[in-house]
PDB file of N, CA and C in Angstrom:
ATOM      1  N   MET A   1       6.912 -20.860  20.050  1.00  0.00           N
ATOM      2  CA  MET A   1       6.721 -21.607  19.267  1.00  0.00           C
ATOM      3  C   MET A   1       5.794 -21.040  17.593  1.00  0.00           C
ATOM      4  N   LYS A   2       6.626 -21.375  16.715  1.00  0.00           N
ATOM      5  CA  LYS A   2       6.574 -21.907  15.579  1.00  0.00           C
ATOM      6  C   LYS A   2       4.606 -22.104  15.140  1.00  0.00           C
ATOM      7  N   ILE A   3       4.073 -20.789  14.334  1.00  0.00           N
ATOM      8  CA  ILE A   3       3.100 -21.409  13.892  1.00  0.00           C
ATOM      9  C   ILE A   3       2.684 -21.318  12.805  1.00  0.00           C
ATOM     10  N   PRO A   4       2.555 -22.603  11.967  1.00  0.00           N
ATOM     11  CA  PRO A   4       2.870 -22.727  10.481  1.00  0.00           C
ATOM     12  C   PRO A   4       1.185 -22.345   9.915  1.00  0.00           C
ATOM     13  N   TYR A   5       0.829 -22.094   8.578  1.00  0.00           N
ATOM     14  CA  TYR A   5       0.204 -21.442   7.780  1.00  0.00           C
ATOM     15  C   TYR A   5       0.860 -21.527   6.320  1.00  0.00           C
ATOM     16  N   THR A   6      -0.657 -21.645   5.600  1.00  0.00           N
ATOM     17  CA  THR A   6      -0.315 -21.806   4.332  1.00  0.00           C
ATOM     18  C   THR A   6      -0.748 -20.296   3.238  1.00  0.00           C
ATOM     19  N   ILE A   7      -0.840 -20.306   2.348  1.00  0.00           N
ATOM     20  CA  ILE A   7      -1.258 -19.709   1.469  1.00  0.00           C
ATOM     21  C   ILE A   7      -1.667 -19.759  -0.374  1.00  0.00           C
ATOM     22  N   THR A   8      -1.995 -20.064  -0.498  1.00  0.00           N
ATOM     23  CA  THR A   8      -1.940 -19.929  -2.346  1.00  0.00           C
ATOM     24  C   THR A   8      -2.538 -19.119  -3.743  1.00  0.00           C
ATOM     25  N   VAL A   9      -0.947 -19.425  -4.400  1.00  0.00           N
ATOM     26  CA  VAL A   9      -1.056 -18.805  -4.964  1.00  0.00           C
ATOM     27  C   VAL A   9      -0.644 -19.253  -6.208  1.00  0.00           C
ATOM     28  N   LYS A  10      -1.258 -18.286  -7.216  1.00  0.00           N
ATOM     29  CA  LYS A  10      -0.976 -19.397  -8.730  1.00  0.00           C
ATOM     30  C   LYS A  10      -1.889 -20.952  -8.755  1.00  0.00           C
ATOM     31  N   ASN A  11      -2.404 -21.094  -7.713  1.00  0.00           N
ATOM     32  CA  ASN A  11      -3.191 -22.774  -7.455  1.00  0.00           C
ATOM     33  C   ASN A  11      -2.027 -23.410  -6.815  1.00  0.00           C
ATOM     34  N   LYS A  12      -1.147 -22.731  -5.973  1.00  0.00           N
ATOM     35  CA  LYS A  12       0.191 -23.760  -5.712  1.00  0.00           C
ATOM     36  C   LYS A  12       0.133 -22.747  -3.881  1.00  0.00           C
ATOM     37  N   LYS A  13      -0.228 -24.121  -2.891  1.00  0.00           N
ATOM     38  CA  LYS A  13       0.223 -23.811  -1.727  1.00  0.00           C
ATOM     39  C   LYS A  13       1.553 -23.062  -1.647  1.00  0.00           C
ATOM     40  N   HIS A  14       1.963 -22.756  -0.761  1.00  0.00           N
ATOM     41  CA  HIS A  14       3.210 -22.048   0.035  1.00  0.00           C
ATOM     42  C   HIS A  14       3.092 -21.978   1.260  1.00  0.00           C
ATOM     43  N   PRO A  15       3.739 -22.428   2.549  1.00  0.00           N
ATOM     44  CA  PRO A  15       3.851 -22.755   3.765  1.00  0.00           C
ATOM     45  C   PRO A  15       4.426 -21.592   4.535  1.00  0.00           C
ATOM     46  N   TYR A  16       4.150 -20.370   5.459  1.00  0.00           N
ATOM     47  CA  TYR A  16       4.724 -19.629   6.081  1.00  0.00           C
ATOM     48  C   TYR A  16       4.612 -19.712   7.596  1.00  0.00           C
ATOM     49  N   PHE A  17       5.281 -19.640   8.147  1.00  0.00           N
ATOM     50  CA  PHE A  17       5.644 -19.452   9.736  1.00  0.00           C
ATOM     51  C   PHE A  17       5.344 -18.034  10.291  1.00  0.00           C
ATOM     52  N   ILE A  18       4.690 -18.237  11.541  1.00  0.00           N
ATOM     53  CA  ILE A  18       5.380 -16.921  11.932  1.00  0.00           C
ATOM     54  C   ILE A  18       5.063 -17.401  13.585  1.00  0.00           C
ATOM     55  N   GLN A  19       6.406 -16.839  13.968  1.00  0.00           N
ATOM     56  CA  GLN A  19       6.835 -17.184  15.572  1.00  0.00           C
ATOM     57  C   GLN A  19       7.169 -15.662  16.286  1.00  0.00           C
ATOM     58  N   PRO A  20       5.886 -15.630  17.583  1.00  0.00           N
ATOM     59  CA  PRO A  20       6.223 -14.444  18.046  1.00  0.00           C
ATOM     60  C   PRO A  20       7.923 -14.731  19.052  1.00  0.00           C
ATOM     61  N   LYS A  21       8.331 -13.479  19.154  1.00  0.00           N
ATOM     62  CA  LYS A  21       9.727 -12.947  19.907  1.00  0.00           C
ATOM     63  C   LYS A  21       9.972 -12.064  20.462  1.00  0.00           C
ATOM     64  N   LYS A  22      10.825 -12.179  21.723  1.00  0.00           N
ATOM     65  CA  LYS A  22      11.701 -10.754  21.596  1.00  0.00           C
ATOM     66  C   LYS A  22      12.827 -10.645  21.463  1.00  0.00           C
ATOM     67  N   VAL A  23      12.701  -9.126  20.789  1.00  0.00           N
ATOM     68  CA  VAL A  23      14.455  -8.943  20.186  1.00  0.00           C
ATOM     69  C   VAL A  23      14.969  -7.337  20.660  1.00  0.00           C
ATOM     70  N   GLU A  24      15.581  -7.800  21.861  1.00  0.00           N
ATOM     71  CA  GLU A  24      16.187  -6.852  22.364  1.00  0.00           C
ATOM     72  C   GLU A  24      14.932  -6.087  23.562  1.00  0.00           C
ATOM     73  N   GLY A  25      14.087  -6.782  24.186  1.00  0.00           N
ATOM     74  CA  GLY A  25      13.092  -6.593  24.831  1.00  0.00           C
ATOM     75  C   GLY A  25      11.925  -5.844  23.764  1.00  0.00           C
ATOM     76  N   GLU A  26      12.143  -6.015  22.950  1.00  0.00           N
ATOM     77  CA  GLU A  26      10.605  -5.217  21.859  1.00  0.00           C
ATOM     78  C   GLU A  26       9.636  -6.760  21.549  1.00  0.00           C
ATOM     79  N   GLU A  27       8.982  -6.176  21.490  1.00  0.00           N
ATOM     80  CA  GLU A  27       7.939  -7.517  20.804  1.00  0.00           C
ATOM     81  C   GLU A  27       8.180  -7.778  18.898  1.00  0.00           C
ATOM     82  N   MET A  28       8.309  -8.718  18.883  1.00  0.00           N
ATOM     83  CA  MET A  28       8.525  -8.938  17.468  1.00  0.00           C
ATOM     84  C   MET A  28       7.874 -10.463  16.900  1.00  0.00           C
ATOM     85  N   PHE A  29       8.105 -11.061  15.310  1.00  0.00           N
ATOM     86  CA  PHE A  29       7.243 -11.394  15.207  1.00  0.00           C
ATOM     87  C   PHE A  29       8.309 -12.225  14.313  1.00  0.00           C
ATOM     88  N   PHE A  30       9.051 -13.289  14.167  1.00  0.00           N
ATOM     89  CA  PHE A  30       9.866 -13.539  13.147  1.00  0.00           C
ATOM     90  C   PHE A  30       8.730 -14.510  12.270  1.00  0.00           C
ATOM     91  N   PHE A  31       9.432 -14.116  10.453  1.00  0.00           N
ATOM     92  CA  PHE A  31       8.176 -14.865   9.840  1.00  0.00           C
ATOM     93  C   PHE A  31       9.267 -15.782   8.744  1.00  0.00           C
ATOM     94  N   GLU A  32       8.669 -16.464   7.944  1.00  0.00           N
ATOM     95  CA  GLU A  32       9.719 -16.533   7.401  1.00  0.00           C
ATOM     96  C   GLU A  32       8.547 -17.644   6.166  1.00  0.00           C
ATOM     97  N   CYS A  33       9.206 -17.576   4.730  1.00  0.00           N
ATOM     98  CA  CYS A  33       8.277 -18.140   4.197  1.00  0.00           C
ATOM     99  C   CYS A  33       9.379 -18.458   2.765  1.00  0.00           C
ATOM    100  N   LYS A  34       9.386 -19.379   2.438  1.00  0.00           N
ATOM    101  CA  LYS A  34      10.318 -20.096   1.337  1.00  0.00           C
ATOM    102  C   LYS A  34      10.417 -19.551   0.273  1.00  0.00           C
ATOM    103  N   GLY A  35       8.723 -19.623  -0.362  1.00  0.00           N
ATOM    104  CA  GLY A  35       8.081 -19.368  -1.481  1.00  0.00           C
ATOM    105  C   GLY A  35       8.247 -17.833  -2.004  1.00  0.00           C
ATOM    106  N   ALA A  36       8.874 -17.086  -0.694  1.00  0.00           N
ATOM    107  CA  ALA A  36       8.617 -15.299  -1.376  1.00  0.00           C
ATOM    108  C   ALA A  36      10.481 -14.987  -0.850  1.00  0.00           C
ATOM    109  N   GLY A  37      10.691 -15.900  -0.619  1.00  0.00           N
ATOM    110  CA  GLY A  37      12.869 -15.713  -0.200  1.00  0.00           C
ATOM    111  C   GLY A  37      12.525 -14.770   1.524  1.00  0.00           C
ATOM    112  N   ILE A  38      11.475 -14.817   2.201  1.00  0.00           N
ATOM    113  CA  ILE A  38      11.089 -14.438   3.583  1.00  0.00           C
ATOM    114  C   ILE A  38      11.765 -14.945   4.492  1.00  0.00           C
ATOM    115  N   SER A  39      13.012 -14.264   5.153  1.00  0.00           N
ATOM    116  CA  SER A  39      13.064 -15.113   6.606  1.00  0.00           C
ATOM    117  C   SER A  39      13.942 -13.768   7.703  1.00  0.00           C
ATOM    118  N   GLN A  40      12.692 -13.087   8.436  1.00  0.00           N
ATOM    119  CA  GLN A  40      13.308 -12.230   9.031  1.00  0.00           C
ATOM    120  C   GLN A  40      12.135 -11.714  10.344  1.00  0.00           C
ATOM    121  N   HIS A  41      12.450 -10.632  11.017  1.00  0.00           N
ATOM    122  CA  HIS A  41      12.058 -10.049  12.493  1.00  0.00           C
ATOM    123  C   HIS A  41      10.951  -8.929  11.448  1.00  0.00           C
ATOM    124  N   PHE A  42       9.961  -9.350  12.205  1.00  0.00           N
ATOM    125  CA  PHE A  42       8.863  -8.024  11.315  1.00  0.00           C
ATOM    126  C   PHE A  42       8.283  -7.038  12.889  1.00  0.00           C
ATOM    127  N   TYR A  43       7.707  -6.153  13.085  1.00  0.00           N
ATOM    128  CA  TYR A  43       6.975  -5.529  13.966  1.00  0.00           C
ATOM    129  C   TYR A  43       5.708  -5.867  13.851  1.00  0.00           C
ATOM    130  N   PRO A  44       5.011  -6.138  15.157  1.00  0.00           N
ATOM    131  CA  PRO A  44       3.842  -6.648  14.999  1.00  0.00           C
ATOM    132  C   PRO A  44       2.660  -5.176  14.410  1.00  0.00           C
ATOM    133  N   GLU A  45       3.005  -4.323  13.857  1.00  0.00           N
ATOM    134  CA  GLU A  45       2.170  -3.305  12.989  1.00  0.00           C
ATOM    135  C   GLU A  45       2.320  -3.173  12.161  1.00  0.00           C
ATOM    136  N   ASP A  46       3.438  -4.513  11.065  1.00  0.00           N
ATOM    137  CA  ASP A  46       3.592  -4.448  10.203  1.00  0.00           C
ATOM    138  C   ASP A  46       3.657  -5.343   9.624  1.00  0.00           C
ATOM    139  N   LEU A  47       2.655  -6.583  10.204  1.00  0.00           N
ATOM    140  CA  LEU A  47       2.308  -7.653   9.926  1.00  0.00           C
ATOM    141  C   LEU A  47       1.298  -7.897   8.975  1.00  0.00           C
ATOM    142  N   ALA A  48       0.247  -7.280   9.257  1.00  0.00           N
ATOM    143  CA  ALA A  48      -0.977  -6.762   8.803  1.00  0.00           C
ATOM    144  C   ALA A  48      -0.427  -6.518   7.085  1.00  0.00           C
ATOM    145  N   GLN A  49       0.161  -5.639   7.038  1.00  0.00           N
ATOM    146  CA  GLN A  49       0.447  -5.001   5.610  1.00  0.00           C
ATOM    147  C   GLN A  49       1.457  -6.041   5.107  1.00  0.00           C
ATOM    148  N   LEU A  50       2.365  -7.126   5.560  1.00  0.00           N
ATOM    149  CA  LEU A  50       3.521  -7.986   5.397  1.00  0.00           C
ATOM    150  C   LEU A  50       2.149  -9.320   4.618  1.00  0.00           C
ATOM    151  N   LEU A  51       0.712  -9.739   5.434  1.00  0.00           N
ATOM    152  CA  LEU A  51       0.138 -10.425   5.170  1.00  0.00           C
ATOM    153  C   LEU A  51      -0.810  -9.888   3.372  1.00  0.00           C
ATOM    154  N   VAL A  52      -0.965  -8.815   3.418  1.00  0.00           N
ATOM    155  CA  VAL A  52      -1.318  -8.460   2.449  1.00  0.00           C
ATOM    156  C   VAL A  52      -0.816  -8.290   0.783  1.00  0.00           C
ATOM    157  N   ASP A  53       0.787  -7.803   1.818  1.00  0.00           N
ATOM    158  CA  ASP A  53       1.255  -8.314  -0.151  1.00  0.00           C
ATOM    159  C   ASP A  53       1.975  -9.200  -0.195  1.00  0.00           C
ATOM    160  N   LEU A  54       2.148 -10.227   0.688  1.00  0.00           N
ATOM    161  CA  LEU A  54       2.618 -11.637   0.736  1.00  0.00           C
ATOM    162  C   LEU A  54       2.052 -12.493  -1.231  1.00  0.00           C
ATOM    163  N   PRO A  55       0.969 -12.545  -1.562  1.00  0.00           N
ATOM    164  CA  PRO A  55       0.745 -13.462  -3.145  1.00  0.00           C
ATOM    165  C   PRO A  55       1.629 -12.222  -3.705  1.00  0.00           C
ATOM    166  N   GLN A  56       2.043 -11.369  -3.497  1.00  0.00           N
ATOM    167  CA  GLN A  56       2.839 -10.404  -5.263  1.00  0.00           C
ATOM    168  C   GLN A  56       4.190 -10.822  -4.366  1.00  0.00           C
ATOM    169  N   TRP A  57       5.070 -10.892  -3.265  1.00  0.00           N
ATOM    170  CA  TRP A  57       5.628 -10.874  -3.640  1.00  0.00           C
ATOM    171  C   TRP A  57       6.870 -12.391  -3.332  1.00  0.00           C
ATOM    172  N   ILE A  58       5.643 -13.936  -3.186  1.00  0.00           N
ATOM    173  CA  ILE A  58       5.563 -15.132  -3.718  1.00  0.00           C
ATOM    174  C   ILE A  58       5.402 -14.965  -5.422  1.00  0.00           C
ATOM    175  N   SER A  59       4.994 -14.351  -5.545  1.00  0.00           N
ATOM    176  CA  SER A  59       4.689 -14.636  -7.589  1.00  0.00           C
ATOM    177  C   SER A  59       6.286 -13.758  -8.046  1.00  0.00           C
ATOM    178  N   GLU A  60       6.416 -12.531  -8.041  1.00  0.00           N
ATOM    179  CA  GLU A  60       7.849 -11.741  -7.556  1.00  0.00           C
ATOM    180  C   GLU A  60       8.836 -12.739  -7.868  1.00  0.00           C
ATOM    181  N   TYR A  61       9.041 -13.213  -6.488  1.00  0.00           N
ATOM    182  CA  TYR A  61       9.759 -13.694  -6.040  1.00  0.00           C
ATOM    183  C   TYR A  61       9.904 -15.255  -6.977  1.00  0.00           C
ATOM    184  N   GLN A  62       9.199 -15.727  -7.049  1.00  0.00           N
ATOM    185  CA  GLN A  62       8.817 -17.529  -8.235  1.00  0.00           C
ATOM    186  C   GLN A  62       9.193 -17.031  -9.492  1.00  0.00           C
ATOM    187  N   HIS A  63       8.827 -15.336 -10.067  1.00  0.00           N
ATOM    188  CA  HIS A  63       9.422 -15.395 -11.538  1.00  0.00           C
ATOM    189  C   HIS A  63      10.747 -15.243 -11.206  1.00  0.00           C
ATOM    190  N   GLU A  64      11.645 -14.650 -10.759  1.00  0.00           N
ATOM    191  CA  GLU A  64      12.817 -14.202 -10.809  1.00  0.00           C
ATOM    192  C   GLU A  64      14.145 -15.717 -10.457  1.00  0.00           C
ATOM    193  N   GLN A  65      13.145 -16.840  -9.470  1.00  0.00           N
ATOM    194  CA  GLN A  65      13.859 -17.904  -9.283  1.00  0.00           C
ATOM    195  C   GLN A  65      14.110 -18.813 -10.482  1.00  0.00           C
ATOM    196  N   LYS A  66      12.818 -18.635 -11.406  1.00  0.00           N
ATOM    197  CA  LYS A  66      11.936 -19.290 -12.450  1.00  0.00           C
ATOM    198  C   LYS A  66      13.411 -19.437 -13.881  1.00  0.00           C
ATOM    199  N   ALA A  67      13.382 -17.459 -13.098  1.00  0.00           N
ATOM    200  CA  ALA A  67      14.721 -17.087 -14.702  1.00  0.00           C
ATOM    201  C   ALA A  67      16.041 -17.201 -14.218  1.00  0.00           C
ATOM    202  N   LYS A  68      16.748 -17.745 -13.634  1.00  0.00           N
ATOM    203  CA  LYS A  68      17.569 -18.106 -13.048  1.00  0.00           C
ATOM    204  C   LYS A  68      17.858 -19.332 -12.844  1.00  0.00           C
ATOM    205  N   LYS A  69      17.186 -20.277 -13.470  1.00  0.00           N
ATOM    206  CA  LYS A  69      17.176 -22.069 -14.223  1.00  0.00           C
ATOM    207  C   LYS A  69      17.608 -21.457 -14.972  1.00  0.00           C
ATOM    208  N   ALA A  70      19.438 -22.878 -15.702  1.00  0.00           N
ATOM    209  CA  ALA A  70      19.713 -22.828 -16.758  1.00  0.00           C
ATOM    210  C   ALA A  70      19.892 -23.988 -17.069  1.00  0.00           C
ATOM    211  N   GLY A  71      19.860 -25.391 -16.181  1.00  0.00           N
ATOM    212  CA  GLY A  71      19.983 -26.774 -16.565  1.00  0.00           C
ATOM    213  C   GLY A  71      19.188 -27.228 -16.330  1.00  0.00           C
ATOM    214  N   THR A  72      19.572 -28.473 -17.244  1.00  0.00           N
ATOM    215  CA  THR A  72      18.128 -29.698 -17.099  1.00  0.00           C
ATOM    216  C   THR A  72      18.282 -30.565 -16.496  1.00  0.00           C
ATOM    217  N   ILE A  73      17.978 -31.602 -16.118  1.00  0.00           N
ATOM    218  CA  ILE A  73      18.122 -33.212 -15.629  1.00  0.00           C
ATOM    219  C   ILE A  73      17.086 -34.028 -15.975  1.00  0.00           C
ATOM    220  N   LEU A  74      17.361 -35.288 -16.382  1.00  0.00           N
ATOM    221  CA  LEU A  74      16.409 -36.252 -16.652  1.00  0.00           C
ATOM    222  C   LEU A  74      17.269 -37.310 -16.082  1.00  0.00           C
ATOM    223  N   PHE A  75      15.961 -37.977 -15.913  1.00  0.00           N
ATOM    224  CA  PHE A  75      16.116 -39.257 -15.262  1.00  0.00           C
ATOM    225  C   PHE A  75      14.457 -40.382 -15.010  1.00  0.00           C
ATOM    226  N   ARG A  76      15.269 -40.842 -15.503  1.00  0.00           N
ATOM    227  CA  ARG A  76      13.573 -42.394 -15.974  1.00  0.00           C
ATOM    228  C   ARG A  76      13.747 -42.527 -14.364  1.00  0.00           C
ATOM    229  N   VAL A  77      11.993 -43.142 -14.125  1.00  0.00           N
ATOM    230  CA  VAL A  77      11.708 -43.977 -13.560  1.00  0.00           C
ATOM    231  C   VAL A  77      10.101 -45.154 -13.837  1.00  0.00           C
ATOM    232  N   LYS A  78      10.260 -45.569 -12.788  1.00  0.00           N
ATOM    233  CA  LYS A  78       8.940 -46.929 -13.290  1.00  0.00           C
ATOM    234  C   LYS A  78       7.864 -46.172 -13.388  1.00  0.00           C
ATOM    235  N   LEU A  79       6.848 -47.211 -13.893  1.00  0.00           N
ATOM    236  CA  LEU A  79       5.726 -45.843 -13.824  1.00  0.00           C
ATOM    237  C   LEU A  79       4.225 -45.732 -12.851  1.00  0.00           C
ATOM    238  N   ASP A  80       5.018 -46.941 -12.034  1.00  0.00           N
ATOM    239  CA  ASP A  80       3.827 -46.374 -10.644  1.00  0.00           C
ATOM    240  C   ASP A  80       5.303 -45.855 -10.265  1.00  0.00           C
ATOM    241  N   GLU A  81       6.249 -45.672 -10.006  1.00  0.00           N
ATOM    242  CA  GLU A  81       6.749 -44.208  -9.258  1.00  0.00           C
ATOM    243  C   GLU A  81       6.427 -43.113  -9.591  1.00  0.00           C
ATOM    244  N   LYS A  82       6.050 -42.773 -11.356  1.00  0.00           N
ATOM    245  CA  LYS A  82       5.704 -42.097 -11.603  1.00  0.00           C
ATOM    246  C   LYS A  82       4.076 -41.588 -11.018  1.00  0.00           C
ATOM    247  N   LEU A  83       3.251 -42.351 -11.179  1.00  0.00           N
ATOM    248  CA  LEU A  83       2.439 -42.305 -10.834  1.00  0.00           C
ATOM    249  C   LEU A  83       2.404 -41.791  -9.369  1.00  0.00           C
ATOM    250  N   GLU A  84       3.303 -42.856  -8.057  1.00  0.00           N
ATOM    251  CA  GLU A  84       3.108 -41.724  -6.870  1.00  0.00           C
ATOM    252  C   GLU A  84       4.154 -40.605  -6.383  1.00  0.00           C
ATOM    253  N   ILE A  85       4.440 -40.243  -7.456  1.00  0.00           N
ATOM    254  CA  ILE A  85       5.559 -39.241  -7.488  1.00  0.00           C
ATOM    255  C   ILE A  85       4.207 -37.535  -7.365  1.00  0.00           C
ATOM    256  N   GLU A  86       3.553 -38.070  -9.146  1.00  0.00           N
ATOM    257  CA  GLU A  86       2.611 -37.446  -9.536  1.00  0.00           C
ATOM    258  C   GLU A  86       1.395 -36.866  -8.097  1.00  0.00           C
ATOM    259  N   LYS A  87       0.815 -38.154  -7.903  1.00  0.00           N
ATOM    260  CA  LYS A  87       0.097 -38.058  -6.942  1.00  0.00           C
ATOM    261  C   LYS A  87       0.342 -37.645  -4.844  1.00  0.00           C
ATOM    262  N   LYS A  88       1.589 -37.407  -4.814  1.00  0.00           N
ATOM    263  CA  LYS A  88       2.298 -37.224  -3.750  1.00  0.00           C
ATOM    264  C   LYS A  88       2.363 -35.490  -4.372  1.00  0.00           C
ATOM    265  N   ALA A  89       2.918 -34.797  -5.472  1.00  0.00           N
ATOM    266  CA  ALA A  89       3.445 -33.675  -6.020  1.00  0.00           C
ATOM    267  C   ALA A  89       1.386 -33.257  -5.575  1.00  0.00           C
ATOM    268  N   HIS A  90       0.338 -33.380  -6.343  1.00  0.00           N
ATOM    269  CA  HIS A  90      -0.702 -33.321  -6.221  1.00  0.00           C
ATOM    270  C   HIS A  90      -1.374 -32.764  -4.490  1.00  0.00           C
ATOM    271  N   GLU A  91      -0.708 -33.528  -4.012  1.00  0.00           N
ATOM    272  CA  GLU A  91      -1.719 -33.483  -2.524  1.00  0.00           C
ATOM    273  C   GLU A  91      -0.766 -32.403  -1.665  1.00  0.00           C
ATOM    274  N   SER A  92       0.006 -32.155  -2.221  1.00  0.00           N
ATOM    275  CA  SER A  92       1.092 -31.314  -1.976  1.00  0.00           C
ATOM    276  C   SER A  92       0.704 -29.995  -2.241  1.00  0.00           C
ATOM    277  N   GLY A  93       0.203 -29.421  -3.254  1.00  0.00           N
ATOM    278  CA  GLY A  93      -0.418 -28.142  -3.877  1.00  0.00           C
ATOM    279  C   GLY A  93       0.607 -28.156  -5.358  1.00  0.00           C
ATOM    280  N   TYR A  94       1.063 -29.110  -5.387  1.00  0.00           N
ATOM    281  CA  TYR A  94       1.915 -28.332  -7.032  1.00  0.00           C
ATOM    282  C   TYR A  94       1.174 -29.277  -7.672  1.00  0.00           C
ATOM    283  N   SER A  95       0.955 -28.475  -9.418  1.00  0.00           N
ATOM    284  CA  SER A  95       1.087 -28.950 -10.377  1.00  0.00           C
ATOM    285  C   SER A  95       2.031 -28.895 -11.305  1.00  0.00           C
ATOM    286  N   ASN A  96       3.370 -28.235 -11.238  1.00  0.00           N
ATOM    287  CA  ASN A  96       4.221 -28.847 -11.595  1.00  0.00           C
ATOM    288  C   ASN A  96       4.991 -29.687 -10.901  1.00  0.00           C
ATOM    289  N   ILE A  97       5.506 -30.779 -11.659  1.00  0.00           N
ATOM    290  CA  ILE A  97       5.934 -31.988 -11.211  1.00  0.00           C
ATOM    291  C   ILE A  97       7.929 -31.914 -10.932  1.00  0.00           C
ATOM    292  N   SER A  98       7.958 -31.010 -11.837  1.00  0.00           N
ATOM    293  CA  SER A  98       9.575 -30.909 -11.717  1.00  0.00           C
ATOM    294  C   SER A  98       9.709 -29.539 -10.615  1.00  0.00           C
ATOM    295  N   ARG A  99       9.027 -29.180 -10.544  1.00  0.00           N
ATOM    296  CA  ARG A  99       9.313 -27.875  -9.569  1.00  0.00           C
ATOM    297  C   ARG A  99       8.562 -28.754  -8.046  1.00  0.00           C
ATOM    298  N   PHE A 100       8.149 -29.383  -8.018  1.00  0.00           N
ATOM    299  CA  PHE A 100       8.148 -30.148  -6.345  1.00  0.00           C
ATOM    300  C   PHE A 100       8.927 -31.237  -6.381  1.00  0.00           C
ATOM    301  N   ILE A 101       9.674 -32.404  -7.505  1.00  0.00           N
ATOM    302  CA  ILE A 101      10.952 -33.000  -6.872  1.00  0.00           C
ATOM    303  C   ILE A 101      11.841 -31.728  -6.864  1.00  0.00           C
ATOM    304  N   ARG A 102      12.369 -30.822  -7.585  1.00  0.00           N
ATOM    305  CA  ARG A 102      12.705 -29.790  -7.088  1.00  0.00           C
ATOM    306  C   ARG A 102      12.718 -29.062  -5.504  1.00  0.00           C
ATOM    307  N   ASP A 103      12.021 -28.779  -5.078  1.00  0.00           N
ATOM    308  CA  ASP A 103      11.733 -28.198  -4.193  1.00  0.00           C
ATOM    309  C   ASP A 103      11.901 -29.351  -2.676  1.00  0.00           C
ATOM    310  N   LYS A 104      11.760 -30.821  -2.867  1.00  0.00           N
ATOM    311  CA  LYS A 104      12.031 -31.644  -2.122  1.00  0.00           C
ATOM    312  C   LYS A 104      13.648 -31.716  -2.048  1.00  0.00           C
ATOM    313  N   VAL A 105      13.985 -31.904  -2.839  1.00  0.00           N
ATOM    314  CA  VAL A 105      15.365 -32.321  -3.430  1.00  0.00           C
ATOM    315  C   VAL A 105      16.383 -31.340  -2.466  1.00  0.00           C
ATOM    316  N   LEU A 106      15.814 -29.804  -2.561  1.00  0.00           N
ATOM    317  CA  LEU A 106      16.659 -29.136  -1.929  1.00  0.00           C
ATOM    318  C   LEU A 106      16.456 -27.974  -1.184  1.00  0.00           C
ATOM    319  N   ALA A 107      15.179 -28.950  -0.172  1.00  0.00           N
ATOM    320  CA  ALA A 107      14.716 -28.280   1.430  1.00  0.00           C
ATOM    321  C   ALA A 107      16.151 -28.480   1.771  1.00  0.00           C
TER     322      ALA A 107
END
Protein backbone atom coordinates (compact mmCIF):
# COMPACT_ATOMS: atom_id res chain seq x y z
CA MET A 1 0.00 0.00 0.00
CA LYS A 2 1.38 3.39 -1.06
CA ILE A 3 1.38 5.76 1.92
CA PRO A 4 1.19 9.49 1.00
CA TYR A 5 2.93 12.24 2.99
CA THR A 6 3.87 15.87 2.39
CA ILE A 7 6.84 17.97 3.39
CA THR A 8 6.96 21.77 3.21
CA VAL A 9 10.11 23.32 1.79
CA LYS A 10 10.34 27.06 1.10
CA ASN A 11 6.59 27.46 1.72
CA LYS A 12 5.65 24.82 -0.85
CA LYS A 13 4.17 21.44 -0.07
CA HIS A 14 5.92 18.52 -1.77
CA PRO A 15 4.12 15.17 -1.76
CA TYR A 16 6.07 11.97 -1.32
CA PHE A 17 5.11 8.33 -1.04
CA ILE A 18 6.52 5.42 0.91
CA GLN A 19 5.53 1.86 0.06
CA PRO A 20 6.83 -1.23 1.88
CA LYS A 21 8.13 -3.82 -0.61
CA LYS A 22 10.00 -7.08 -0.71
CA VAL A 23 12.86 -7.00 -3.19
CA GLU A 24 14.61 -10.34 -3.73
CA GLY A 25 13.35 -11.48 -0.34
CA GLU A 26 14.54 -8.38 1.53
CA GLU A 27 12.30 -5.88 3.29
CA MET A 28 12.68 -2.50 1.58
CA PHE A 29 10.73 0.69 1.03
CA PHE A 30 9.95 2.23 -2.33
CA PHE A 31 10.26 6.00 -1.95
CA GLU A 32 8.98 8.52 -4.49
CA CYS A 33 9.24 12.31 -4.34
CA LYS A 34 8.91 14.12 -7.66
CA GLY A 35 9.94 17.38 -5.99
CA ALA A 36 13.35 15.86 -5.25
CA GLY A 37 13.57 13.71 -8.37
CA ILE A 38 13.69 10.50 -6.29
CA SER A 39 12.00 7.26 -7.25
CA GLN A 40 13.81 4.22 -5.86
CA HIS A 41 14.05 1.51 -3.20
CA PHE A 42 15.70 2.10 0.18
CA TYR A 43 16.64 -0.19 3.03
CA PRO A 44 14.63 0.42 6.23
CA GLU A 45 17.75 1.57 8.11
CA ASP A 46 18.37 4.27 5.45
CA LEU A 47 14.85 5.70 5.53
CA ALA A 48 15.39 7.97 8.58
CA GLN A 49 18.45 9.64 7.03
CA LEU A 50 16.60 10.03 3.74
CA LEU A 51 13.83 11.96 5.49
CA VAL A 52 16.38 14.15 7.29
CA ASP A 53 18.11 14.97 3.98
CA LEU A 54 14.90 15.34 1.94
CA PRO A 55 14.46 19.15 2.33
CA GLN A 56 18.01 19.73 1.08
CA TRP A 57 17.52 17.34 -1.85
CA ILE A 58 14.28 19.09 -2.80
CA SER A 59 15.94 22.52 -2.68
CA GLU A 60 18.88 21.37 -4.80
CA TYR A 61 16.69 19.56 -7.32
CA GLN A 62 14.34 22.53 -7.66
CA HIS A 63 17.33 24.85 -8.18
CA GLU A 64 18.69 22.55 -10.92
CA GLN A 65 15.30 22.37 -12.63
CA LYS A 66 14.90 26.14 -12.51
CA ALA A 67 18.31 26.64 -14.14
CA LYS A 68 17.35 24.34 -17.04
CA LYS A 69 14.32 26.38 -18.14
CA ALA A 70 14.84 28.29 -21.36
CA GLY A 71 11.40 28.96 -22.85
CA THR A 72 8.39 31.11 -22.11
CA ILE A 73 4.74 30.43 -22.90
CA LEU A 74 2.23 33.25 -22.60
CA PHE A 75 -1.53 32.77 -22.74
CA ARG A 76 -4.60 34.77 -21.82
CA VAL A 77 -7.44 33.82 -19.49
CA LYS A 78 -10.57 35.55 -18.27
CA LEU A 79 -10.39 37.29 -14.90
CA ASP A 80 -12.57 34.67 -13.19
CA GLU A 81 -10.38 31.89 -14.64
CA LYS A 82 -7.24 33.62 -13.37
CA LEU A 83 -8.73 33.93 -9.88
CA GLU A 84 -9.73 30.25 -9.92
CA ILE A 85 -6.23 29.18 -11.02
CA GLU A 86 -4.65 31.31 -8.28
CA LYS A 87 -7.05 29.88 -5.68
CA LYS A 88 -6.24 26.29 -6.67
CA ALA A 89 -2.52 27.02 -6.71
CA HIS A 90 -2.57 28.47 -3.20
CA GLU A 91 -4.75 25.61 -1.91
CA SER A 92 -2.14 23.19 -3.30
CA GLY A 93 0.65 25.02 -1.47
CA TYR A 94 2.08 26.92 -4.44
CA SER A 95 3.11 30.56 -4.24
CA ASN A 96 4.27 30.57 -7.87
CA ILE A 97 1.36 30.29 -10.34
CA SER A 98 3.62 29.40 -13.28
CA ARG A 99 5.14 26.50 -11.33
CA PHE A 100 1.64 25.29 -10.39
CA ILE A 101 0.45 25.32 -14.01
CA ARG A 102 3.67 23.69 -15.27
CA ASP A 103 3.49 20.93 -12.62
CA LYS A 104 -0.17 20.21 -13.39
CA VAL A 105 0.30 20.12 -17.14
CA LEU A 106 3.47 18.01 -17.06
CA ALA A 107 2.29 15.60 -14.34
